[in-house]
Every structure is written in C-alpha cells, then in structure tokens.
Amino acid sequence: NLPEPLLVSAADVVRVYGEGQASVRA
C-alpha cells in the first residue's frame, strides 16, 4: 500500500504566544 498523498500537512510546528516567562507554547 502506497501512502495516500497529503492535501494538508504540518511538520514540527511550534507556536509560541508572548515572550519570556509569560510565553505560552500553544
């Protein structure tokens, strides 16, 4: 079975809001 082609993909996505000690890794 070949893997299905991906329509949408994310690779190693990091999203941080804010800076320093107040930052949040969403």
mmCIF file of all heavy atoms, coordinates in Angstrom:
data_MODEL
# 
_entry.id   MODEL 
# 
loop_
_atom_site.group_PDB 
_atom_site.id 
_atom_site.type_symbol 
_atom_site.label_atom_id 
_atom_site.label_alt_id 
_atom_site.label_comp_id 
_atom_site.label_asym_id 
_atom_site.label_entity_id 
_atom_site.label_seq_id 
_atom_site.pdbx_PDB_ins_code 
_atom_site.Cartn_x 
_atom_site.Cartn_y 
_atom_site.Cartn_z 
_atom_site.occupancy 
_atom_site.B_iso_or_equiv 
_atom_site.pdbx_formal_charge 
_atom_site.auth_seq_id 
_atom_site.auth_comp_id 
_atom_site.auth_asym_id 
_atom_site.auth_atom_id 
_atom_site.pdbx_PDB_model_num 
ATOM 1   N N   . ASN A 1 1  ? 0.832  -1.190 0.000  1.00 0.00 ? 1  ASN A N   1 
ATOM 2   C CA  . ASN A 1 1  ? 0.000  0.000  0.000  1.00 0.00 ? 1  ASN A CA  1 
ATOM 3   C C   . ASN A 1 1  ? 0.874  1.251  0.000  1.00 0.00 ? 1  ASN A C   1 
ATOM 4   O O   . ASN A 1 1  ? 1.697  1.437  0.896  1.00 0.00 ? 1  ASN A O   1 
ATOM 5   C CB  . ASN A 1 1  ? -0.887 0.038  1.257  1.00 0.00 ? 1  ASN A CB  1 
ATOM 6   C CG  . ASN A 1 1  ? -2.036 -0.930 1.139  1.00 0.00 ? 1  ASN A CG  1 
ATOM 7   O OD1 . ASN A 1 1  ? -2.325 -1.393 0.043  1.00 0.00 ? 1  ASN A OD1 1 
ATOM 8   N ND2 . ASN A 1 1  ? -2.664 -1.254 2.249  1.00 0.00 ? 1  ASN A ND2 1 
ATOM 9   N N   . LEU A 1 2  ? 0.677  2.085  -1.015 1.00 0.00 ? 2  LEU A N   1 
ATOM 10  C CA  . LEU A 1 2  ? 1.405  3.349  -1.034 1.00 0.00 ? 2  LEU A CA  1 
ATOM 11  C C   . LEU A 1 2  ? 0.707  4.317  -0.079 1.00 0.00 ? 2  LEU A C   1 
ATOM 12  O O   . LEU A 1 2  ? -0.514 4.293  0.041  1.00 0.00 ? 2  LEU A O   1 
ATOM 13  C CB  . LEU A 1 2  ? 1.395  3.934  -2.455 1.00 0.00 ? 2  LEU A CB  1 
ATOM 14  C CG  . LEU A 1 2  ? 2.245  3.178  -3.473 1.00 0.00 ? 2  LEU A CG  1 
ATOM 15  C CD1 . LEU A 1 2  ? 1.973  3.691  -4.866 1.00 0.00 ? 2  LEU A CD1 1 
ATOM 16  C CD2 . LEU A 1 2  ? 3.723  3.334  -3.147 1.00 0.00 ? 2  LEU A CD2 1 
ATOM 17  N N   . PRO A 1 3  ? 1.455  5.176  0.602  1.00 0.00 ? 3  PRO A N   1 
ATOM 18  C CA  . PRO A 1 3  ? 0.797  6.146  1.476  1.00 0.00 ? 3  PRO A CA  1 
ATOM 19  C C   . PRO A 1 3  ? -0.041 7.114  0.649  1.00 0.00 ? 3  PRO A C   1 
ATOM 20  O O   . PRO A 1 3  ? 0.315  7.454  -0.480 1.00 0.00 ? 3  PRO A O   1 
ATOM 21  C CB  . PRO A 1 3  ? 1.972  6.874  2.148  1.00 0.00 ? 3  PRO A CB  1 
ATOM 22  C CG  . PRO A 1 3  ? 3.154  6.620  1.287  1.00 0.00 ? 3  PRO A CG  1 
ATOM 23  C CD  . PRO A 1 3  ? 2.918  5.307  0.604  1.00 0.00 ? 3  PRO A CD  1 
ATOM 24  N N   . GLU A 1 4  ? -1.172 7.529  1.220  1.00 0.00 ? 4  GLU A N   1 
ATOM 25  C CA  . GLU A 1 4  ? -2.036 8.472  0.496  1.00 0.00 ? 4  GLU A CA  1 
ATOM 26  C C   . GLU A 1 4  ? -1.346 9.830  0.413  1.00 0.00 ? 4  GLU A C   1 
ATOM 27  O O   . GLU A 1 4  ? -0.717 10.267 1.375  1.00 0.00 ? 4  GLU A O   1 
ATOM 28  C CB  . GLU A 1 4  ? -3.358 8.639  1.249  1.00 0.00 ? 4  GLU A CB  1 
ATOM 29  C CG  . GLU A 1 4  ? -4.191 7.386  1.356  1.00 0.00 ? 4  GLU A CG  1 
ATOM 30  C CD  . GLU A 1 4  ? -5.405 7.614  2.238  1.00 0.00 ? 4  GLU A CD  1 
ATOM 31  O OE1 . GLU A 1 4  ? -5.291 7.475  3.455  1.00 0.00 ? 4  GLU A OE1 1 
ATOM 32  O OE2 . GLU A 1 4  ? -6.461 7.932  1.677  1.00 0.00 ? 4  GLU A OE2 1 
ATOM 33  N N   . PRO A 1 5  ? -1.457 10.496 -0.744 1.00 0.00 ? 5  PRO A N   1 
ATOM 34  C CA  . PRO A 1 5  ? -0.881 11.845 -0.819 1.00 0.00 ? 5  PRO A CA  1 
ATOM 35  C C   . PRO A 1 5  ? -1.602 12.773 0.171  1.00 0.00 ? 5  PRO A C   1 
ATOM 36  O O   . PRO A 1 5  ? -2.810 12.663 0.357  1.00 0.00 ? 5  PRO A O   1 
ATOM 37  C CB  . PRO A 1 5  ? -1.129 12.267 -2.269 1.00 0.00 ? 5  PRO A CB  1 
ATOM 38  C CG  . PRO A 1 5  ? -2.181 11.348 -2.788 1.00 0.00 ? 5  PRO A CG  1 
ATOM 39  C CD  . PRO A 1 5  ? -2.105 10.090 -1.994 1.00 0.00 ? 5  PRO A CD  1 
ATOM 40  N N   . LEU A 1 6  ? -0.851 13.659 0.776  1.00 0.00 ? 6  LEU A N   1 
ATOM 41  C CA  . LEU A 1 6  ? -1.427 14.542 1.790  1.00 0.00 ? 6  LEU A CA  1 
ATOM 42  C C   . LEU A 1 6  ? -1.867 15.856 1.160  1.00 0.00 ? 6  LEU A C   1 
ATOM 43  O O   . LEU A 1 6  ? -1.131 16.473 0.396  1.00 0.00 ? 6  LEU A O   1 
ATOM 44  C CB  . LEU A 1 6  ? -0.397 14.820 2.882  1.00 0.00 ? 6  LEU A CB  1 
ATOM 45  C CG  . LEU A 1 6  ? 0.082  13.581 3.665  1.00 0.00 ? 6  LEU A CG  1 
ATOM 46  C CD1 . LEU A 1 6  ? 1.161  13.972 4.659  1.00 0.00 ? 6  LEU A CD1 1 
ATOM 47  C CD2 . LEU A 1 6  ? -1.086 12.902 4.356  1.00 0.00 ? 6  LEU A CD2 1 
ATOM 48  N N   . LEU A 1 7  ? -3.071 16.281 1.494  1.00 0.00 ? 7  LEU A N   1 
ATOM 49  C CA  . LEU A 1 7  ? -3.586 17.547 0.996  1.00 0.00 ? 7  LEU A CA  1 
ATOM 50  C C   . LEU A 1 7  ? -3.119 18.706 1.881  1.00 0.00 ? 7  LEU A C   1 
ATOM 51  O O   . LEU A 1 7  ? -2.801 19.791 1.414  1.00 0.00 ? 7  LEU A O   1 
ATOM 52  C CB  . LEU A 1 7  ? -5.112 17.501 0.954  1.00 0.00 ? 7  LEU A CB  1 
ATOM 53  C CG  . LEU A 1 7  ? -5.773 18.728 0.376  1.00 0.00 ? 7  LEU A CG  1 
ATOM 54  C CD1 . LEU A 1 7  ? -5.465 18.839 -1.113 1.00 0.00 ? 7  LEU A CD1 1 
ATOM 55  C CD2 . LEU A 1 7  ? -7.273 18.676 0.577  1.00 0.00 ? 7  LEU A CD2 1 
ATOM 56  N N   . VAL A 1 8  ? -3.083 18.452 3.186  1.00 0.00 ? 8  VAL A N   1 
ATOM 57  C CA  . VAL A 1 8  ? -2.633 19.451 4.157  1.00 0.00 ? 8  VAL A CA  1 
ATOM 58  C C   . VAL A 1 8  ? -1.651 18.757 5.092  1.00 0.00 ? 8  VAL A C   1 
ATOM 59  O O   . VAL A 1 8  ? -1.918 17.627 5.525  1.00 0.00 ? 8  VAL A O   1 
ATOM 60  C CB  . VAL A 1 8  ? -3.812 20.007 4.990  1.00 0.00 ? 8  VAL A CB  1 
ATOM 61  C CG1 . VAL A 1 8  ? -3.337 21.141 5.899  1.00 0.00 ? 8  VAL A CG1 1 
ATOM 62  C CG2 . VAL A 1 8  ? -4.947 20.487 4.106  1.00 0.00 ? 8  VAL A CG2 1 
ATOM 63  N N   . SER A 1 9  ? -0.548 19.404 5.392  1.00 0.00 ? 9  SER A N   1 
ATOM 64  C CA  . SER A 1 9  ? 0.393  18.782 6.332  1.00 0.00 ? 9  SER A CA  1 
ATOM 65  C C   . SER A 1 9  ? 1.127  19.842 7.140  1.00 0.00 ? 9  SER A C   1 
ATOM 66  O O   . SER A 1 9  ? 1.330  20.971 6.688  1.00 0.00 ? 9  SER A O   1 
ATOM 67  C CB  . SER A 1 9  ? 1.404  17.900 5.598  1.00 0.00 ? 9  SER A CB  1 
ATOM 68  O OG  . SER A 1 9  ? 2.181  18.675 4.714  1.00 0.00 ? 9  SER A OG  1 
ATOM 69  N N   . ALA A 1 10 ? 1.482  19.446 8.358  1.00 0.00 ? 10 ALA A N   1 
ATOM 70  C CA  . ALA A 1 10 ? 2.289  20.294 9.240  1.00 0.00 ? 10 ALA A CA  1 
ATOM 71  C C   . ALA A 1 10 ? 3.496  19.479 9.655  1.00 0.00 ? 10 ALA A C   1 
ATOM 72  O O   . ALA A 1 10 ? 3.365  18.285 9.944  1.00 0.00 ? 10 ALA A O   1 
ATOM 73  C CB  . ALA A 1 10 ? 1.481  20.697 10.467 1.00 0.00 ? 10 ALA A CB  1 
ATOM 74  N N   . ALA A 1 11 ? 4.668  20.097 9.667  1.00 0.00 ? 11 ALA A N   1 
ATOM 75  C CA  . ALA A 1 11 ? 5.892  19.402 10.075 1.00 0.00 ? 11 ALA A CA  1 
ATOM 76  C C   . ALA A 1 11 ? 6.579  20.193 11.181 1.00 0.00 ? 11 ALA A C   1 
ATOM 77  O O   . ALA A 1 11 ? 6.982  21.340 10.977 1.00 0.00 ? 11 ALA A O   1 
ATOM 78  C CB  . ALA A 1 11 ? 6.829  19.237 8.880  1.00 0.00 ? 11 ALA A CB  1 
ATOM 79  N N   . ASP A 1 12 ? 6.655  19.579 12.354 1.00 0.00 ? 12 ASP A N   1 
ATOM 80  C CA  . ASP A 1 12 ? 7.356  20.146 13.501 1.00 0.00 ? 12 ASP A CA  1 
ATOM 81  C C   . ASP A 1 12 ? 6.917  21.588 13.789 1.00 0.00 ? 12 ASP A C   1 
ATOM 82  O O   . ASP A 1 12 ? 7.748  22.484 13.985 1.00 0.00 ? 12 ASP A O   1 
ATOM 83  C CB  . ASP A 1 12 ? 8.873  20.077 13.272 1.00 0.00 ? 12 ASP A CB  1 
ATOM 84  C CG  . ASP A 1 12 ? 9.627  20.055 14.592 1.00 0.00 ? 12 ASP A CG  1 
ATOM 85  O OD1 . ASP A 1 12 ? 9.012  19.730 15.623 1.00 0.00 ? 12 ASP A OD1 1 
ATOM 86  O OD2 . ASP A 1 12 ? 10.829 20.389 14.598 1.00 0.00 ? 12 ASP A OD2 1 
ATOM 87  N N   . VAL A 1 13 ? 5.601  21.783 13.821 1.00 0.00 ? 13 VAL A N   1 
ATOM 88  C CA  . VAL A 1 13 ? 5.056  23.132 14.001 1.00 0.00 ? 13 VAL A CA  1 
ATOM 89  C C   . VAL A 1 13 ? 5.043  23.515 15.488 1.00 0.00 ? 13 VAL A C   1 
ATOM 90  O O   . VAL A 1 13 ? 4.510  22.792 16.329 1.00 0.00 ? 13 VAL A O   1 
ATOM 91  C CB  . VAL A 1 13 ? 3.641  23.237 13.406 1.00 0.00 ? 13 VAL A CB  1 
ATOM 92  C CG1 . VAL A 1 13 ? 2.919  24.487 13.922 1.00 0.00 ? 13 VAL A CG1 1 
ATOM 93  C CG2 . VAL A 1 13 ? 3.727  23.287 11.886 1.00 0.00 ? 13 VAL A CG2 1 
ATOM 94  N N   . VAL A 1 14 ? 5.663  24.652 15.759 1.00 0.00 ? 14 VAL A N   1 
ATOM 95  C CA  . VAL A 1 14 ? 5.664  25.231 17.104 1.00 0.00 ? 14 VAL A CA  1 
ATOM 96  C C   . VAL A 1 14 ? 4.968  26.586 17.011 1.00 0.00 ? 14 VAL A C   1 
ATOM 97  O O   . VAL A 1 14 ? 5.188  27.339 16.057 1.00 0.00 ? 14 VAL A O   1 
ATOM 98  C CB  . VAL A 1 14 ? 7.114  25.423 17.615 1.00 0.00 ? 14 VAL A CB  1 
ATOM 99  C CG1 . VAL A 1 14 ? 7.139  26.218 18.923 1.00 0.00 ? 14 VAL A CG1 1 
ATOM 100 C CG2 . VAL A 1 14 ? 7.798  24.071 17.784 1.00 0.00 ? 14 VAL A CG2 1 
ATOM 101 N N   . ARG A 1 15 ? 4.099  26.876 17.989 1.00 0.00 ? 15 ARG A N   1 
ATOM 102 C CA  . ARG A 1 15 ? 3.505  28.218 18.054 1.00 0.00 ? 15 ARG A CA  1 
ATOM 103 C C   . ARG A 1 15 ? 3.618  28.717 19.486 1.00 0.00 ? 15 ARG A C   1 
ATOM 104 O O   . ARG A 1 15 ? 3.077  28.105 20.417 1.00 0.00 ? 15 ARG A O   1 
ATOM 105 C CB  . ARG A 1 15 ? 2.030  28.187 17.628 1.00 0.00 ? 15 ARG A CB  1 
ATOM 106 C CG  . ARG A 1 15 ? 1.375  29.590 17.632 1.00 0.00 ? 15 ARG A CG  1 
ATOM 107 C CD  . ARG A 1 15 ? 2.029  30.491 16.593 1.00 0.00 ? 15 ARG A CD  1 
ATOM 108 N NE  . ARG A 1 15 ? 1.314  31.732 16.358 1.00 0.00 ? 15 ARG A NE  1 
ATOM 109 C CZ  . ARG A 1 15 ? 1.681  32.908 16.885 1.00 0.00 ? 15 ARG A CZ  1 
ATOM 110 N NH1 . ARG A 1 15 ? 2.719  32.984 17.703 1.00 0.00 ? 15 ARG A NH1 1 
ATOM 111 N NH2 . ARG A 1 15 ? 1.001  34.002 16.588 1.00 0.00 ? 15 ARG A NH2 1 
ATOM 112 N N   . VAL A 1 16 ? 4.373  29.794 19.636 1.00 0.00 ? 16 VAL A N   1 
ATOM 113 C CA  . VAL A 1 16 ? 4.561  30.399 20.954 1.00 0.00 ? 16 VAL A CA  1 
ATOM 114 C C   . VAL A 1 16 ? 3.886  31.766 20.943 1.00 0.00 ? 16 VAL A C   1 
ATOM 115 O O   . VAL A 1 16 ? 4.091  32.563 20.028 1.00 0.00 ? 16 VAL A O   1 
ATOM 116 C CB  . VAL A 1 16 ? 6.066  30.553 21.275 1.00 0.00 ? 16 VAL A CB  1 
ATOM 117 C CG1 . VAL A 1 16 ? 6.257  31.204 22.644 1.00 0.00 ? 16 VAL A CG1 1 
ATOM 118 C CG2 . VAL A 1 16 ? 6.765  29.201 21.231 1.00 0.00 ? 16 VAL A CG2 1 
ATOM 119 N N   . TYR A 1 17 ? 3.069  32.023 21.962 1.00 0.00 ? 17 TYR A N   1 
ATOM 120 C CA  . TYR A 1 17 ? 2.470  33.354 22.142 1.00 0.00 ? 17 TYR A CA  1 
ATOM 121 C C   . TYR A 1 17 ? 3.169  34.037 23.310 1.00 0.00 ? 17 TYR A C   1 
ATOM 122 O O   . TYR A 1 17 ? 3.426  33.415 24.336 1.00 0.00 ? 17 TYR A O   1 
ATOM 123 C CB  . TYR A 1 17 ? 0.976  33.237 22.447 1.00 0.00 ? 17 TYR A CB  1 
ATOM 124 C CG  . TYR A 1 17 ? 0.159  32.693 21.300 1.00 0.00 ? 17 TYR A CG  1 
ATOM 125 C CD1 . TYR A 1 17 ? -0.315 31.390 21.316 1.00 0.00 ? 17 TYR A CD1 1 
ATOM 126 C CD2 . TYR A 1 17 ? -0.125 33.489 20.191 1.00 0.00 ? 17 TYR A CD2 1 
ATOM 127 C CE1 . TYR A 1 17 ? -1.064 30.883 20.254 1.00 0.00 ? 17 TYR A CE1 1 
ATOM 128 C CE2 . TYR A 1 17 ? -0.867 32.995 19.122 1.00 0.00 ? 17 TYR A CE2 1 
ATOM 129 C CZ  . TYR A 1 17 ? -1.341 31.692 19.167 1.00 0.00 ? 17 TYR A CZ  1 
ATOM 130 O OH  . TYR A 1 17 ? -2.070 31.201 18.110 1.00 0.00 ? 17 TYR A OH  1 
ATOM 131 N N   . GLY A 1 18 ? 3.453  35.324 23.146 1.00 0.00 ? 18 GLY A N   1 
ATOM 132 C CA  . GLY A 1 18 ? 4.095  36.067 24.230 1.00 0.00 ? 18 GLY A CA  1 
ATOM 133 C C   . GLY A 1 18 ? 5.594  35.823 24.261 1.00 0.00 ? 18 GLY A C   1 
ATOM 134 O O   . GLY A 1 18 ? 6.136  35.072 23.454 1.00 0.00 ? 18 GLY A O   1 
ATOM 135 N N   . GLU A 1 19 ? 6.251  36.484 25.208 1.00 0.00 ? 19 GLU A N   1 
ATOM 136 C CA  . GLU A 1 19 ? 7.713  36.387 25.290 1.00 0.00 ? 19 GLU A CA  1 
ATOM 137 C C   . GLU A 1 19 ? 8.163  36.140 26.718 1.00 0.00 ? 19 GLU A C   1 
ATOM 138 O O   . GLU A 1 19 ? 7.435  36.409 27.675 1.00 0.00 ? 19 GLU A O   1 
ATOM 139 C CB  . GLU A 1 19 ? 8.337  37.697 24.776 1.00 0.00 ? 19 GLU A CB  1 
ATOM 140 C CG  . GLU A 1 19 ? 8.175  37.881 23.279 1.00 0.00 ? 19 GLU A CG  1 
ATOM 141 C CD  . GLU A 1 19 ? 8.777  39.195 22.790 1.00 0.00 ? 19 GLU A CD  1 
ATOM 142 O OE1 . GLU A 1 19 ? 9.453  39.860 23.590 1.00 0.00 ? 19 GLU A OE1 1 
ATOM 143 O OE2 . GLU A 1 19 ? 8.561  39.525 21.614 1.00 0.00 ? 19 GLU A OE2 1 
ATOM 144 N N   . GLY A 1 20 ? 9.363  35.626 26.824 1.00 0.00 ? 20 GLY A N   1 
ATOM 145 C CA  . GLY A 1 20 ? 9.973  35.448 28.141 1.00 0.00 ? 20 GLY A CA  1 
ATOM 146 C C   . GLY A 1 20 ? 9.185  34.496 29.024 1.00 0.00 ? 20 GLY A C   1 
ATOM 147 O O   . GLY A 1 20 ? 8.636  33.505 28.566 1.00 0.00 ? 20 GLY A O   1 
ATOM 148 N N   . GLN A 1 21 ? 9.094  34.838 30.307 1.00 0.00 ? 21 GLN A N   1 
ATOM 149 C CA  . GLN A 1 21 ? 8.432  33.958 31.264 1.00 0.00 ? 21 GLN A CA  1 
ATOM 150 C C   . GLN A 1 21 ? 6.921  33.893 31.040 1.00 0.00 ? 21 GLN A C   1 
ATOM 151 O O   . GLN A 1 21 ? 6.269  32.942 31.472 1.00 0.00 ? 21 GLN A O   1 
ATOM 152 C CB  . GLN A 1 21 ? 8.733  34.426 32.688 1.00 0.00 ? 21 GLN A CB  1 
ATOM 153 C CG  . GLN A 1 21 ? 10.202 34.197 33.076 1.00 0.00 ? 21 GLN A CG  1 
ATOM 154 C CD  . GLN A 1 21 ? 10.443 34.535 34.529 1.00 0.00 ? 21 GLN A CD  1 
ATOM 155 O OE1 . GLN A 1 21 ? 9.883  35.492 35.044 1.00 0.00 ? 21 GLN A OE1 1 
ATOM 156 N NE2 . GLN A 1 21 ? 11.283 33.746 35.200 1.00 0.00 ? 21 GLN A NE2 1 
ATOM 157 N N   . ALA A 1 22 ? 6.387  34.923 30.389 1.00 0.00 ? 22 ALA A N   1 
ATOM 158 C CA  . ALA A 1 22 ? 4.940  34.947 30.146 1.00 0.00 ? 22 ALA A CA  1 
ATOM 159 C C   . ALA A 1 22 ? 4.562  34.174 28.876 1.00 0.00 ? 22 ALA A C   1 
ATOM 160 O O   . ALA A 1 22 ? 3.397  34.093 28.519 1.00 0.00 ? 22 ALA A O   1 
ATOM 161 C CB  . ALA A 1 22 ? 4.466  36.387 30.031 1.00 0.00 ? 22 ALA A CB  1 
ATOM 162 N N   . SER A 1 23 ? 5.548  33.603 28.191 1.00 0.00 ? 23 SER A N   1 
ATOM 163 C CA  . SER A 1 23 ? 5.241  32.952 26.904 1.00 0.00 ? 23 SER A CA  1 
ATOM 164 C C   . SER A 1 23 ? 4.486  31.638 27.112 1.00 0.00 ? 23 SER A C   1 
ATOM 165 O O   . SER A 1 23 ? 4.648  30.959 28.125 1.00 0.00 ? 23 SER A O   1 
ATOM 166 C CB  . SER A 1 23 ? 6.525  32.707 26.111 1.00 0.00 ? 23 SER A CB  1 
ATOM 167 O OG  . SER A 1 23 ? 7.307  31.724 26.750 1.00 0.00 ? 23 SER A OG  1 
ATOM 168 N N   . VAL A 1 24 ? 3.654  31.330 26.136 1.00 0.00 ? 24 VAL A N   1 
ATOM 169 C CA  . VAL A 1 24 ? 2.855  30.098 26.161 1.00 0.00 ? 24 VAL A CA  1 
ATOM 170 C C   . VAL A 1 24 ? 3.126  29.325 24.877 1.00 0.00 ? 24 VAL A C   1 
ATOM 171 O O   . VAL A 1 24 ? 3.013  29.874 23.775 1.00 0.00 ? 24 VAL A O   1 
ATOM 172 C CB  . VAL A 1 24 ? 1.341  30.429 26.245 1.00 0.00 ? 24 VAL A CB  1 
ATOM 173 C CG1 . VAL A 1 24 ? 0.511  29.155 26.147 1.00 0.00 ? 24 VAL A CG1 1 
ATOM 174 C CG2 . VAL A 1 24 ? 1.028  31.182 27.525 1.00 0.00 ? 24 VAL A CG2 1 
ATOM 175 N N   . ARG A 1 25 ? 3.501  28.044 25.015 1.00 0.00 ? 25 ARG A N   1 
ATOM 176 C CA  . ARG A 1 25 ? 3.690  27.181 23.842 1.00 0.00 ? 25 ARG A CA  1 
ATOM 177 C C   . ARG A 1 25 ? 2.363  26.531 23.507 1.00 0.00 ? 25 ARG A C   1 
ATOM 178 O O   . ARG A 1 25 ? 1.993  25.509 24.080 1.00 0.00 ? 25 ARG A O   1 
ATOM 179 C CB  . ARG A 1 25 ? 4.706  26.087 24.143 1.00 0.00 ? 25 ARG A CB  1 
ATOM 180 C CG  . ARG A 1 25 ? 6.131  26.458 23.810 1.00 0.00 ? 25 ARG A CG  1 
ATOM 181 C CD  . ARG A 1 25 ? 7.059  25.328 24.216 1.00 0.00 ? 25 ARG A CD  1 
ATOM 182 N NE  . ARG A 1 25 ? 7.607  24.621 23.070 1.00 0.00 ? 25 ARG A NE  1 
ATOM 183 C CZ  . ARG A 1 25 ? 8.624  25.042 22.341 1.00 0.00 ? 25 ARG A CZ  1 
ATOM 184 N NH1 . ARG A 1 25 ? 9.201  26.197 22.612 1.00 0.00 ? 25 ARG A NH1 1 
ATOM 185 N NH2 . ARG A 1 25 ? 9.074  24.334 21.333 1.00 0.00 ? 25 ARG A NH2 1 
ATOM 186 N N   . ALA A 1 26 ? 1.616  27.155 22.586 1.00 0.00 ? 26 ALA A N   1 
ATOM 187 C CA  . ALA A 1 26 ? 0.296  26.616 22.230 1.00 0.00 ? 26 ALA A CA  1 
ATOM 188 C C   . ALA A 1 26 ? 0.435  25.332 21.425 1.00 0.00 ? 26 ALA A C   1 
ATOM 189 O O   . ALA A 1 26 ? -0.388 24.417 21.543 1.00 0.00 ? 26 ALA A O   1 
ATOM 190 C CB  . ALA A 1 26 ? -0.487 27.656 21.443 1.00 0.00 ? 26 ALA A CB  1 
# 
